Amino acid sequence: MHNAHRDHQHSGAARNPMVWLVVGLPALVVVAAFATLAIAIGAGGSDALPDDVNRMAQIQTTDLGADEYAASQRLSAVLSIGEGMIEILPASGELLKDEAVRKQPLTLRMQHPTRSADDRELLLQPTDHGWRITETLDLAHDWRVQLIAADARWRLHGRLPKATRATLLQPALLQPALLQPARFQPALLQPARFQPALSEAAAEDRVPAVAPLRP
């Protein structure tokens, strides 16, 4: 009789939805945590930026020296994707026209938007008009782009949108002159002075004539 009563209690607890809720929620959280961990490991780590990062006193700081130099030299270039080739054409900056620089190869880093395993690093060789490499590129998704000098002294950034074959590469930092706000000119904001025009008749009406005093 006592065993039968105990079996009835156990079967009643198994049929109670609150029991399954209390047991199932923690188990579901554990499974979700392991799934998230597996996705993060498969994505190649948590650092999605390809920049050189220095860790100082547990604080991550990005090395922006190459970006500052590119901004000071006003450098920019065009990334062009052709049939079976990738080309860089200089757009602005006297440095990109320098003969010594034009003879050196450039490093082109193409970062996949979600999978670091699909990132590309290409070495473009000098040509008469810029730099080029014989290579095909998947245009089914966006790419984050970095163009790096042979001596890593300067660096340009850009984004190649999906199904696009060209984009402009520029410094990540704006030039100081572009960051200065426009000078405030209060004279332009002062309202015009109201000067009502009075006719001679109106003026005479407004200023009564005063007869001279007779002795």
N, C-alpha and C. Protein backbone atom coordinates (compact mmCIF):
# COMPACT_ATOMS: atom_id res chain seq x y z
N MET A 1 0.83 -1.20 0.00
CA MET A 1 0.00 0.00 0.00
C MET A 1 0.87 1.25 0.00
N HIS A 2 1.90 1.19 0.84
CA HIS A 2 2.82 2.34 0.91
C HIS A 2 3.55 2.54 -0.42
N ASN A 3 4.01 1.44 -1.07
CA ASN A 3 4.69 1.54 -2.36
C ASN A 3 3.76 2.07 -3.45
N ALA A 4 2.53 1.66 -3.41
CA ALA A 4 1.57 2.12 -4.40
C ALA A 4 1.34 3.62 -4.27
N HIS A 5 1.30 4.11 -3.01
CA HIS A 5 1.11 5.54 -2.79
C HIS A 5 2.31 6.32 -3.31
N ARG A 6 3.55 5.76 -3.11
CA ARG A 6 4.76 6.43 -3.58
C ARG A 6 4.78 6.47 -5.11
N ASP A 7 4.40 5.37 -5.77
CA ASP A 7 4.36 5.35 -7.23
C ASP A 7 3.35 6.35 -7.77
N HIS A 8 2.26 6.53 -7.08
CA HIS A 8 1.25 7.49 -7.51
C HIS A 8 1.79 8.91 -7.43
N GLN A 9 2.57 9.21 -6.37
CA GLN A 9 3.16 10.55 -6.23
C GLN A 9 4.16 10.82 -7.35
N HIS A 10 4.98 9.78 -7.65
CA HIS A 10 5.98 9.96 -8.71
C HIS A 10 5.32 10.19 -10.06
N SER A 11 4.27 9.41 -10.37
CA SER A 11 3.60 9.58 -11.65
C SER A 11 2.89 10.91 -11.72
N GLY A 12 2.39 11.40 -10.60
CA GLY A 12 1.74 12.72 -10.59
C GLY A 12 2.74 13.83 -10.83
N ALA A 13 3.93 13.71 -10.28
CA ALA A 13 4.97 14.72 -10.50
C ALA A 13 5.43 14.73 -11.94
N ALA A 14 5.49 13.55 -12.57
CA ALA A 14 5.93 13.47 -13.96
C ALA A 14 4.91 14.12 -14.89
N ARG A 15 3.63 14.07 -14.51
CA ARG A 15 2.60 14.65 -15.35
C ARG A 15 2.41 16.15 -15.07
N ASN A 16 3.07 16.69 -14.08
CA ASN A 16 2.93 18.10 -13.73
C ASN A 16 3.79 18.95 -14.68
N PRO A 17 3.21 19.89 -15.45
CA PRO A 17 4.02 20.69 -16.39
C PRO A 17 5.01 21.61 -15.69
N MET A 18 4.75 22.02 -14.47
CA MET A 18 5.69 22.89 -13.76
C MET A 18 7.00 22.18 -13.46
N VAL A 19 6.93 20.86 -13.23
CA VAL A 19 8.15 20.08 -12.97
C VAL A 19 9.02 20.08 -14.22
N TRP A 20 8.40 19.84 -15.38
CA TRP A 20 9.17 19.83 -16.63
C TRP A 20 9.73 21.22 -16.94
N LEU A 21 9.00 22.27 -16.57
CA LEU A 21 9.48 23.63 -16.80
C LEU A 21 10.70 23.94 -15.95
N VAL A 22 10.66 23.53 -14.70
CA VAL A 22 11.79 23.77 -13.79
C VAL A 22 13.02 23.00 -14.24
N VAL A 23 12.84 21.80 -14.72
CA VAL A 23 13.98 20.98 -15.14
C VAL A 23 14.45 21.37 -16.54
N GLY A 24 13.51 21.69 -17.44
CA GLY A 24 13.86 21.91 -18.84
C GLY A 24 14.55 23.24 -19.10
N LEU A 25 14.17 24.31 -18.39
CA LEU A 25 14.77 25.62 -18.66
C LEU A 25 16.28 25.65 -18.40
N PRO A 26 16.77 25.18 -17.25
CA PRO A 26 18.23 25.17 -17.07
C PRO A 26 18.96 24.32 -18.10
N ALA A 27 18.37 23.18 -18.49
CA ALA A 27 19.01 22.34 -19.50
C ALA A 27 19.07 23.05 -20.85
N LEU A 28 18.02 23.78 -21.19
CA LEU A 28 18.00 24.52 -22.45
C LEU A 28 19.05 25.63 -22.46
N VAL A 29 19.24 26.29 -21.32
CA VAL A 29 20.26 27.35 -21.22
C VAL A 29 21.65 26.77 -21.43
N VAL A 30 21.91 25.60 -20.85
CA VAL A 30 23.22 24.97 -20.99
C VAL A 30 23.48 24.60 -22.45
N VAL A 31 22.48 24.03 -23.12
CA VAL A 31 22.64 23.66 -24.53
C VAL A 31 22.87 24.89 -25.39
N ALA A 32 22.14 25.97 -25.13
CA ALA A 32 22.33 27.19 -25.91
C ALA A 32 23.71 27.78 -25.70
N ALA A 33 24.23 27.70 -24.47
CA ALA A 33 25.57 28.23 -24.20
C ALA A 33 26.63 27.47 -24.99
N PHE A 34 26.53 26.15 -25.03
CA PHE A 34 27.50 25.36 -25.79
C PHE A 34 27.37 25.63 -27.29
N ALA A 35 26.16 25.84 -27.79
CA ALA A 35 25.98 26.15 -29.21
C ALA A 35 26.59 27.49 -29.56
N THR A 36 26.43 28.49 -28.69
CA THR A 36 27.03 29.80 -28.93
C THR A 36 28.54 29.72 -28.93
N LEU A 37 29.09 28.94 -28.01
CA LEU A 37 30.54 28.76 -27.96
C LEU A 37 31.07 28.11 -29.23
N ALA A 38 30.35 27.13 -29.74
CA ALA A 38 30.78 26.45 -30.96
C ALA A 38 30.76 27.40 -32.15
N ILE A 39 29.73 28.27 -32.23
CA ILE A 39 29.65 29.24 -33.33
C ILE A 39 30.78 30.24 -33.25
N ALA A 40 31.09 30.69 -32.04
CA ALA A 40 32.17 31.67 -31.88
C ALA A 40 33.52 31.08 -32.27
N ILE A 41 33.77 29.84 -31.91
CA ILE A 41 35.03 29.20 -32.27
C ILE A 41 35.12 29.00 -33.77
N GLY A 42 34.01 28.61 -34.38
CA GLY A 42 34.01 28.41 -35.83
C GLY A 42 34.19 29.68 -36.61
N ALA A 43 33.82 30.84 -36.03
CA ALA A 43 33.97 32.12 -36.72
C ALA A 43 35.39 32.63 -36.68
N GLY A 44 36.27 31.96 -35.94
CA GLY A 44 37.68 32.34 -35.95
C GLY A 44 38.05 33.35 -34.90
N GLY A 45 37.34 33.38 -33.77
CA GLY A 45 37.74 34.28 -32.71
C GLY A 45 36.79 35.46 -32.61
N SER A 46 37.01 36.28 -31.58
CA SER A 46 36.11 37.40 -31.32
C SER A 46 36.59 38.70 -31.90
N ASP A 47 37.83 38.78 -32.38
CA ASP A 47 38.37 40.03 -32.90
C ASP A 47 38.11 40.09 -34.39
N ALA A 48 37.14 40.93 -34.80
CA ALA A 48 36.76 41.02 -36.21
C ALA A 48 37.53 42.07 -36.97
N LEU A 49 38.38 42.85 -36.30
CA LEU A 49 39.13 43.90 -36.97
C LEU A 49 40.50 43.39 -37.36
N PRO A 50 40.93 43.68 -38.61
CA PRO A 50 42.24 43.21 -39.04
C PRO A 50 43.36 44.16 -38.66
N ASP A 51 43.08 45.24 -37.93
CA ASP A 51 44.11 46.20 -37.59
C ASP A 51 45.11 45.60 -36.63
N ASP A 52 46.32 46.16 -36.64
CA ASP A 52 47.33 45.77 -35.67
C ASP A 52 46.94 46.35 -34.32
N VAL A 53 46.83 45.50 -33.32
CA VAL A 53 46.36 45.92 -32.00
C VAL A 53 47.44 45.65 -30.99
N ASN A 54 47.75 46.64 -30.17
CA ASN A 54 48.68 46.50 -29.06
C ASN A 54 47.90 46.46 -27.76
N ARG A 55 48.27 45.56 -26.86
CA ARG A 55 47.60 45.43 -25.57
C ARG A 55 48.50 46.03 -24.51
N MET A 56 48.08 47.16 -23.95
CA MET A 56 48.86 47.87 -22.96
C MET A 56 48.00 48.01 -21.72
N ALA A 57 48.49 47.43 -20.58
CA ALA A 57 47.78 47.51 -19.30
C ALA A 57 46.34 47.02 -19.45
N GLN A 58 46.17 45.91 -20.18
CA GLN A 58 44.87 45.28 -20.39
C GLN A 58 43.92 46.14 -21.20
N ILE A 59 44.42 47.16 -21.91
CA ILE A 59 43.59 48.01 -22.76
C ILE A 59 44.05 47.84 -24.19
N GLN A 60 43.14 47.55 -25.09
CA GLN A 60 43.48 47.36 -26.49
C GLN A 60 43.50 48.70 -27.20
N THR A 61 44.63 49.00 -27.84
CA THR A 61 44.77 50.24 -28.60
C THR A 61 45.22 49.90 -30.01
N THR A 62 44.55 50.47 -31.01
CA THR A 62 44.87 50.22 -32.41
C THR A 62 45.97 51.16 -32.86
N ASP A 63 46.96 50.64 -33.60
CA ASP A 63 48.04 51.45 -34.14
C ASP A 63 47.52 52.24 -35.33
N LEU A 64 47.42 53.56 -35.16
CA LEU A 64 46.85 54.42 -36.20
C LEU A 64 47.92 55.24 -36.90
N GLY A 65 49.20 54.93 -36.70
CA GLY A 65 50.26 55.71 -37.33
C GLY A 65 50.18 55.68 -38.84
N ALA A 66 49.91 54.52 -39.42
CA ALA A 66 49.82 54.41 -40.88
C ALA A 66 48.62 55.18 -41.42
N ASP A 67 47.52 55.22 -40.67
CA ASP A 67 46.35 55.98 -41.10
C ASP A 67 46.60 57.48 -41.03
N GLU A 68 47.28 57.93 -39.97
CA GLU A 68 47.59 59.35 -39.84
C GLU A 68 48.52 59.80 -40.97
N TYR A 69 49.49 58.98 -41.31
CA TYR A 69 50.41 59.36 -42.39
C TYR A 69 49.68 59.43 -43.73
N ALA A 70 48.80 58.48 -43.98
CA ALA A 70 48.04 58.49 -45.23
C ALA A 70 47.15 59.73 -45.32
N ALA A 71 46.57 60.13 -44.18
CA ALA A 71 45.74 61.33 -44.17
C ALA A 71 46.57 62.58 -44.42
N SER A 72 47.76 62.64 -43.82
CA SER A 72 48.61 63.82 -44.01
C SER A 72 49.09 63.96 -45.45
N GLN A 73 49.24 62.84 -46.15
CA GLN A 73 49.67 62.86 -47.55
C GLN A 73 48.49 62.92 -48.52
N ARG A 74 47.27 62.95 -48.01
CA ARG A 74 46.06 63.02 -48.83
C ARG A 74 46.01 61.88 -49.85
N LEU A 75 46.27 60.68 -49.38
CA LEU A 75 46.32 59.53 -50.28
C LEU A 75 44.92 58.94 -50.48
N SER A 76 44.67 58.46 -51.68
CA SER A 76 43.48 57.68 -51.99
C SER A 76 43.75 56.86 -53.24
N ALA A 77 43.04 55.76 -53.39
CA ALA A 77 43.22 54.87 -54.53
C ALA A 77 41.90 54.20 -54.85
N VAL A 78 41.82 53.66 -56.05
CA VAL A 78 40.61 52.99 -56.52
C VAL A 78 40.90 51.49 -56.64
N LEU A 79 40.06 50.69 -56.02
CA LEU A 79 40.12 49.24 -56.16
C LEU A 79 39.19 48.84 -57.29
N SER A 80 39.71 48.14 -58.29
CA SER A 80 38.93 47.73 -59.46
C SER A 80 39.01 46.21 -59.59
N ILE A 81 37.85 45.59 -59.74
CA ILE A 81 37.75 44.14 -59.90
C ILE A 81 37.39 43.85 -61.35
N GLY A 82 38.29 43.21 -62.07
CA GLY A 82 38.04 42.85 -63.45
C GLY A 82 37.82 41.36 -63.61
N GLU A 83 37.78 40.91 -64.84
CA GLU A 83 37.62 39.49 -65.13
C GLU A 83 38.95 38.77 -64.88
N GLY A 84 39.03 38.09 -63.74
CA GLY A 84 40.23 37.33 -63.41
C GLY A 84 41.40 38.19 -62.94
N MET A 85 41.15 39.42 -62.55
CA MET A 85 42.24 40.26 -62.06
C MET A 85 41.69 41.30 -61.08
N ILE A 86 42.58 41.74 -60.18
CA ILE A 86 42.29 42.78 -59.19
C ILE A 86 43.34 43.87 -59.37
N GLU A 87 42.89 45.13 -59.45
CA GLU A 87 43.81 46.21 -59.78
C GLU A 87 43.61 47.39 -58.82
N ILE A 88 44.73 48.05 -58.51
CA ILE A 88 44.72 49.27 -57.71
C ILE A 88 45.23 50.41 -58.59
N LEU A 89 44.45 51.50 -58.65
CA LEU A 89 44.83 52.67 -59.43
C LEU A 89 44.95 53.86 -58.49
N PRO A 90 46.07 54.59 -58.50
CA PRO A 90 46.21 55.76 -57.62
C PRO A 90 45.21 56.84 -58.00
N ALA A 91 44.60 57.47 -56.99
CA ALA A 91 43.60 58.52 -57.23
C ALA A 91 44.12 59.90 -56.81
N SER A 92 44.77 60.00 -55.67
CA SER A 92 45.29 61.29 -55.20
C SER A 92 46.50 61.05 -54.31
N GLY A 93 47.30 62.11 -54.16
CA GLY A 93 48.49 62.02 -53.32
C GLY A 93 49.75 61.89 -54.15
N GLU A 94 50.69 62.81 -53.96
CA GLU A 94 51.94 62.78 -54.71
C GLU A 94 52.78 61.55 -54.38
N LEU A 95 52.58 61.00 -53.17
CA LEU A 95 53.38 59.84 -52.77
C LEU A 95 53.13 58.65 -53.69
N LEU A 96 51.89 58.47 -54.13
CA LEU A 96 51.56 57.34 -55.00
C LEU A 96 52.10 57.52 -56.41
N LYS A 97 52.59 58.72 -56.72
CA LYS A 97 53.22 58.96 -58.01
C LYS A 97 54.74 58.87 -57.94
N ASP A 98 55.27 58.72 -56.73
CA ASP A 98 56.70 58.63 -56.56
C ASP A 98 57.24 57.36 -57.21
N GLU A 99 58.36 57.49 -57.93
CA GLU A 99 58.90 56.36 -58.69
C GLU A 99 59.31 55.21 -57.79
N ALA A 100 59.89 55.54 -56.64
CA ALA A 100 60.32 54.49 -55.71
C ALA A 100 59.11 53.71 -55.17
N VAL A 101 58.03 54.41 -54.87
CA VAL A 101 56.83 53.75 -54.36
C VAL A 101 56.16 52.93 -55.45
N ARG A 102 56.15 53.43 -56.67
CA ARG A 102 55.50 52.73 -57.78
C ARG A 102 56.21 51.43 -58.14
N LYS A 103 57.46 51.29 -57.74
CA LYS A 103 58.20 50.06 -58.06
C LYS A 103 58.01 48.98 -57.00
N GLN A 104 57.37 49.30 -55.90
CA GLN A 104 57.20 48.34 -54.81
C GLN A 104 55.81 47.72 -54.84
N PRO A 105 55.68 46.46 -54.45
CA PRO A 105 54.36 45.82 -54.41
C PRO A 105 53.53 46.36 -53.24
N LEU A 106 52.24 46.17 -53.32
CA LEU A 106 51.32 46.56 -52.25
C LEU A 106 50.57 45.34 -51.75
N THR A 107 50.24 45.36 -50.46
CA THR A 107 49.47 44.28 -49.85
C THR A 107 48.00 44.67 -49.78
N LEU A 108 47.15 43.81 -50.31
CA LEU A 108 45.71 44.04 -50.29
C LEU A 108 45.06 42.99 -49.40
N ARG A 109 44.43 43.46 -48.32
CA ARG A 109 43.74 42.56 -47.40
C ARG A 109 42.24 42.68 -47.63
N MET A 110 41.62 41.54 -47.89
CA MET A 110 40.18 41.47 -48.10
C MET A 110 39.58 40.66 -46.96
N GLN A 111 38.75 41.32 -46.15
CA GLN A 111 38.18 40.67 -44.97
C GLN A 111 36.73 40.29 -45.23
N HIS A 112 36.43 39.01 -45.03
CA HIS A 112 35.08 38.49 -45.15
C HIS A 112 34.22 39.07 -44.03
N PRO A 113 32.94 39.40 -44.29
CA PRO A 113 32.12 40.06 -43.26
C PRO A 113 31.82 39.19 -42.05
N THR A 114 31.85 37.86 -42.19
CA THR A 114 31.47 36.99 -41.07
C THR A 114 32.48 35.89 -40.78
N ARG A 115 33.23 35.45 -41.78
CA ARG A 115 34.12 34.29 -41.58
C ARG A 115 35.57 34.71 -41.81
N SER A 116 36.35 34.71 -40.74
CA SER A 116 37.76 35.08 -40.87
C SER A 116 38.55 34.05 -41.66
N ALA A 117 38.05 32.80 -41.72
CA ALA A 117 38.75 31.77 -42.49
C ALA A 117 38.74 32.07 -43.98
N ASP A 118 37.80 32.90 -44.44
CA ASP A 118 37.71 33.25 -45.85
C ASP A 118 38.39 34.58 -46.19
N ASP A 119 39.10 35.16 -45.22
CA ASP A 119 39.84 36.40 -45.51
C ASP A 119 40.92 36.14 -46.55
N ARG A 120 41.23 37.16 -47.34
CA ARG A 120 42.25 37.05 -48.39
C ARG A 120 43.33 38.09 -48.15
N GLU A 121 44.58 37.72 -48.39
CA GLU A 121 45.70 38.66 -48.37
C GLU A 121 46.48 38.46 -49.67
N LEU A 122 46.49 39.49 -50.51
CA LEU A 122 47.05 39.41 -51.85
C LEU A 122 48.20 40.40 -51.99
N LEU A 123 49.21 40.03 -52.77
CA LEU A 123 50.36 40.89 -53.04
C LEU A 123 50.25 41.36 -54.49
N LEU A 124 49.98 42.65 -54.67
CA LEU A 124 49.80 43.22 -56.00
C LEU A 124 51.13 43.77 -56.51
N GLN A 125 51.45 43.43 -57.74
CA GLN A 125 52.72 43.85 -58.34
C GLN A 125 52.54 45.13 -59.16
N PRO A 126 53.59 45.95 -59.27
CA PRO A 126 53.48 47.22 -60.00
C PRO A 126 53.22 47.00 -61.49
N THR A 127 52.45 47.93 -62.07
CA THR A 127 52.20 47.97 -63.51
C THR A 127 52.42 49.41 -63.98
N ASP A 128 52.16 49.65 -65.26
CA ASP A 128 52.36 51.00 -65.79
C ASP A 128 51.38 52.00 -65.17
N HIS A 129 50.20 51.53 -64.79
CA HIS A 129 49.18 52.44 -64.29
C HIS A 129 48.90 52.30 -62.80
N GLY A 130 49.38 51.25 -62.18
CA GLY A 130 49.13 51.05 -60.76
C GLY A 130 49.71 49.75 -60.28
N TRP A 131 48.85 48.89 -59.68
CA TRP A 131 49.27 47.60 -59.17
C TRP A 131 48.20 46.58 -59.53
N ARG A 132 48.61 45.34 -59.78
CA ARG A 132 47.65 44.34 -60.26
C ARG A 132 48.08 42.95 -59.82
N ILE A 133 47.05 42.06 -59.74
CA ILE A 133 47.28 40.65 -59.49
C ILE A 133 46.24 39.86 -60.27
N THR A 134 46.64 38.71 -60.79
CA THR A 134 45.71 37.82 -61.48
C THR A 134 45.02 36.95 -60.44
N GLU A 135 43.76 37.27 -60.17
CA GLU A 135 43.03 36.61 -59.09
C GLU A 135 41.54 36.86 -59.30
N THR A 136 40.73 35.91 -58.87
CA THR A 136 39.27 36.07 -58.90
C THR A 136 38.78 36.33 -57.49
N LEU A 137 37.67 37.05 -57.39
CA LEU A 137 37.12 37.43 -56.10
C LEU A 137 35.62 37.16 -56.08
N ASP A 138 35.14 36.54 -55.01
CA ASP A 138 33.72 36.27 -54.84
C ASP A 138 32.99 37.57 -54.53
N LEU A 139 32.07 37.97 -55.39
CA LEU A 139 31.33 39.21 -55.21
C LEU A 139 29.91 38.97 -54.69
N ALA A 140 29.68 37.81 -54.10
CA ALA A 140 28.35 37.49 -53.58
C ALA A 140 28.09 38.12 -52.22
N HIS A 141 29.07 38.80 -51.66
CA HIS A 141 28.90 39.44 -50.35
C HIS A 141 29.84 40.65 -50.29
N ASP A 142 29.70 41.45 -49.24
CA ASP A 142 30.56 42.61 -49.04
C ASP A 142 31.97 42.17 -48.63
N TRP A 143 32.93 43.07 -48.84
CA TRP A 143 34.30 42.86 -48.39
C TRP A 143 34.78 44.14 -47.68
N ARG A 144 35.48 43.97 -46.59
CA ARG A 144 36.22 45.08 -45.98
C ARG A 144 37.63 45.04 -46.54
N VAL A 145 38.15 46.21 -46.94
CA VAL A 145 39.39 46.26 -47.72
C VAL A 145 40.43 47.11 -46.99
N GLN A 146 41.67 46.66 -47.03
CA GLN A 146 42.82 47.42 -46.56
C GLN A 146 43.91 47.34 -47.62
N LEU A 147 44.50 48.48 -47.93
CA LEU A 147 45.64 48.56 -48.84
C LEU A 147 46.83 49.06 -48.04
N ILE A 148 47.91 48.29 -48.02
CA ILE A 148 49.04 48.57 -47.13
C ILE A 148 50.31 48.71 -47.97
N ALA A 149 51.10 49.72 -47.63
CA ALA A 149 52.35 49.96 -48.33
C ALA A 149 53.35 48.85 -48.06
N ALA A 150 54.37 48.77 -48.92
CA ALA A 150 55.38 47.72 -48.77
C ALA A 150 56.12 47.85 -47.44
N ASP A 151 56.35 49.10 -46.99
CA ASP A 151 57.02 49.32 -45.72
C ASP A 151 56.04 49.57 -44.58
N ALA A 152 54.75 49.38 -44.83
CA ALA A 152 53.69 49.57 -43.83
C ALA A 152 53.64 50.99 -43.29
N ARG A 153 54.16 51.96 -44.04
CA ARG A 153 54.18 53.34 -43.57
C ARG A 153 52.80 53.99 -43.70
N TRP A 154 52.03 53.60 -44.70
CA TRP A 154 50.69 54.15 -44.88
C TRP A 154 49.71 53.03 -45.16
N ARG A 155 48.42 53.35 -44.99
CA ARG A 155 47.37 52.35 -45.12
C ARG A 155 46.07 53.04 -45.51
N LEU A 156 45.33 52.41 -46.43
CA LEU A 156 44.04 52.91 -46.87
C LEU A 156 42.96 51.88 -46.58
N HIS A 157 41.73 52.37 -46.39
CA HIS A 157 40.61 51.51 -46.03
C HIS A 157 39.45 51.74 -46.99
N GLY A 158 38.56 50.76 -47.04
CA GLY A 158 37.35 50.91 -47.84
C GLY A 158 36.46 49.69 -47.66
N ARG A 159 35.32 49.74 -48.33
CA ARG A 159 34.37 48.63 -48.32
C ARG A 159 33.90 48.39 -49.75
N LEU A 160 33.96 47.14 -50.16
CA LEU A 160 33.49 46.75 -51.48
C LEU A 160 32.11 46.11 -51.32
N PRO A 161 31.04 46.81 -51.67
CA PRO A 161 29.70 46.24 -51.50
C PRO A 161 29.48 45.03 -52.41
N LYS A 162 28.48 44.28 -52.07
CA LYS A 162 28.10 43.09 -52.82
C LYS A 162 27.81 43.44 -54.28
N ALA A 163 28.33 42.60 -55.19
CA ALA A 163 28.10 42.74 -56.64
C ALA A 163 28.62 44.06 -57.20
N THR A 164 29.61 44.65 -56.54
CA THR A 164 30.23 45.89 -57.00
C THR A 164 31.66 45.61 -57.42
N ARG A 165 32.11 46.25 -58.49
CA ARG A 165 33.43 45.97 -59.04
C ARG A 165 34.43 47.09 -58.82
N ALA A 166 34.09 48.12 -58.09
CA ALA A 166 35.03 49.21 -57.84
C ALA A 166 34.62 49.94 -56.58
N THR A 167 35.63 50.46 -55.86
CA THR A 167 35.37 51.27 -54.67
C THR A 167 36.58 52.15 -54.40
N LEU A 168 36.36 53.22 -53.68
CA LEU A 168 37.42 54.18 -53.35
C LEU A 168 38.01 53.83 -51.99
N LEU A 169 39.33 53.78 -51.93
CA LEU A 169 40.04 53.52 -50.67
C LEU A 169 40.61 54.83 -50.16
N GLN A 170 40.38 55.13 -48.87
CA GLN A 170 40.81 56.38 -48.27
C GLN A 170 41.40 56.13 -46.90
N PRO A 171 42.06 57.14 -46.31
CA PRO A 171 42.56 56.99 -44.93
C PRO A 171 41.40 56.83 -43.96
N ALA A 172 41.64 56.07 -42.90
CA ALA A 172 40.60 55.89 -41.89
C ALA A 172 40.38 57.15 -41.09
N LEU A 173 41.40 58.03 -41.01
CA LEU A 173 41.32 59.28 -40.27
C LEU A 173 41.17 60.44 -41.24
N LEU A 174 40.27 61.35 -40.91
CA LEU A 174 40.10 62.53 -41.74
C LEU A 174 41.25 63.49 -41.52
N GLN A 175 41.52 64.31 -42.51
CA GLN A 175 42.57 65.31 -42.38
C GLN A 175 42.15 66.35 -41.36
N PRO A 176 43.11 66.91 -40.60
CA PRO A 176 42.75 67.90 -39.58
C PRO A 176 41.99 69.08 -40.15
N ALA A 177 42.31 69.51 -41.37
CA ALA A 177 41.62 70.66 -41.95
C ALA A 177 40.14 70.39 -42.15
N LEU A 178 39.80 69.10 -42.40
CA LEU A 178 38.40 68.75 -42.64
C LEU A 178 37.61 68.67 -41.34
N LEU A 179 38.33 68.57 -40.21
CA LEU A 179 37.65 68.44 -38.93
C LEU A 179 37.37 69.79 -38.28
N GLN A 180 37.96 70.88 -38.78
CA GLN A 180 37.76 72.18 -38.19
C GLN A 180 36.38 72.72 -38.57
N PRO A 181 35.61 73.17 -37.59
CA PRO A 181 34.28 73.71 -37.92
C PRO A 181 34.40 75.04 -38.64
N ALA A 182 33.37 75.36 -39.36
CA ALA A 182 33.34 76.64 -40.07
C ALA A 182 33.34 77.79 -39.08
N ARG A 183 34.02 78.85 -39.43
CA ARG A 183 34.09 80.00 -38.55
C ARG A 183 32.72 80.65 -38.41
N PHE A 184 32.43 81.03 -37.17
CA PHE A 184 31.14 81.65 -36.89
C PHE A 184 31.21 83.12 -37.27
N GLN A 185 30.28 83.55 -38.09
CA GLN A 185 30.23 84.93 -38.55
C GLN A 185 28.93 85.55 -38.05
N PRO A 186 28.99 86.21 -36.89
CA PRO A 186 27.74 86.76 -36.33
C PRO A 186 27.15 87.85 -37.18
N ALA A 187 27.99 88.52 -38.00
CA ALA A 187 27.45 89.61 -38.81
C ALA A 187 26.41 89.11 -39.79
N LEU A 188 26.56 87.84 -40.23
CA LEU A 188 25.60 87.31 -41.19
C LEU A 188 24.26 87.00 -40.55
N LEU A 189 24.26 86.87 -39.21
CA LEU A 189 23.03 86.51 -38.52
C LEU A 189 22.31 87.71 -37.93
N GLN A 190 22.91 88.89 -37.96
CA GLN A 190 22.26 90.06 -37.40
C GLN A 190 21.11 90.50 -38.31
N PRO A 191 19.96 90.76 -37.74
CA PRO A 191 18.83 91.19 -38.58
C PRO A 191 19.07 92.60 -39.11
N ALA A 192 18.52 92.84 -40.26
CA ALA A 192 18.65 94.18 -40.86
C ALA A 192 17.91 95.20 -40.02
N ARG A 193 18.48 96.37 -39.89
CA ARG A 193 17.86 97.44 -39.11
C ARG A 193 16.62 97.96 -39.83
N PHE A 194 15.57 98.13 -39.04
CA PHE A 194 14.31 98.60 -39.61
C PHE A 194 14.34 100.12 -39.68
N GLN A 195 14.33 100.64 -40.88
CA GLN A 195 14.35 102.08 -41.10
C GLN A 195 13.14 102.45 -41.94
N PRO A 196 12.05 102.83 -41.30
CA PRO A 196 10.85 103.16 -42.08
C PRO A 196 11.07 104.40 -42.92
N ALA A 197 10.62 104.31 -44.14
CA ALA A 197 10.75 105.45 -45.05
C ALA A 197 9.53 106.35 -44.89
N LEU A 198 9.77 107.61 -44.63
CA LEU A 198 8.69 108.57 -44.43
C LEU A 198 8.70 109.57 -45.56
N SER A 199 7.54 109.85 -46.06
CA SER A 199 7.43 110.89 -47.08
C SER A 199 7.61 112.25 -46.43
N GLU A 200 7.87 113.24 -47.26
CA GLU A 200 8.07 114.58 -46.72
C GLU A 200 6.82 115.07 -46.00
N ALA A 201 5.67 114.74 -46.57
CA ALA A 201 4.43 115.18 -45.93
C ALA A 201 4.25 114.51 -44.58
N ALA A 202 4.55 113.21 -44.55
CA ALA A 202 4.42 112.49 -43.28
C ALA A 202 5.40 113.03 -42.26
N ALA A 203 6.62 113.36 -42.74
CA ALA A 203 7.61 113.89 -41.82
C ALA A 203 7.17 115.22 -41.25
N GLU A 204 6.55 116.04 -42.11
CA GLU A 204 6.06 117.32 -41.62
C GLU A 204 4.94 117.15 -40.61
N ASP A 205 4.09 116.10 -40.86
CA ASP A 205 3.01 115.85 -39.91
C ASP A 205 3.53 115.37 -38.57
N ARG A 206 4.61 114.57 -38.62
CA ARG A 206 5.14 113.99 -37.39
C ARG A 206 5.94 115.02 -36.59
N VAL A 207 6.54 116.02 -37.29
CA VAL A 207 7.35 117.02 -36.58
C VAL A 207 6.64 118.35 -36.69
N PRO A 208 5.90 118.75 -35.71
CA PRO A 208 5.15 120.00 -35.81
C PRO A 208 6.07 121.20 -35.85
N ALA A 209 5.66 122.17 -36.64
CA ALA A 209 6.47 123.39 -36.74
C ALA A 209 6.27 124.24 -35.48
N VAL A 210 7.33 124.82 -34.99
CA VAL A 210 7.30 125.63 -33.77
C VAL A 210 7.52 127.08 -34.18
N ALA A 211 6.56 127.94 -33.92
CA ALA A 211 6.68 129.36 -34.27
C ALA A 211 7.70 130.03 -33.39
N PRO A 212 8.47 130.90 -33.96
CA PRO A 212 9.46 131.61 -33.13
C PRO A 212 8.77 132.54 -32.16
N LEU A 213 9.35 132.65 -30.99
CA LEU A 213 8.80 133.51 -29.95
C LEU A 213 9.10 134.96 -30.27
N ARG A 214 8.04 135.78 -30.17
CA ARG A 214 8.22 137.22 -30.40
C ARG A 214 8.55 137.90 -29.07
N PRO A 215 9.42 138.83 -29.15
CA PRO A 215 9.75 139.55 -27.90
C PRO A 215 8.59 140.42 -27.43
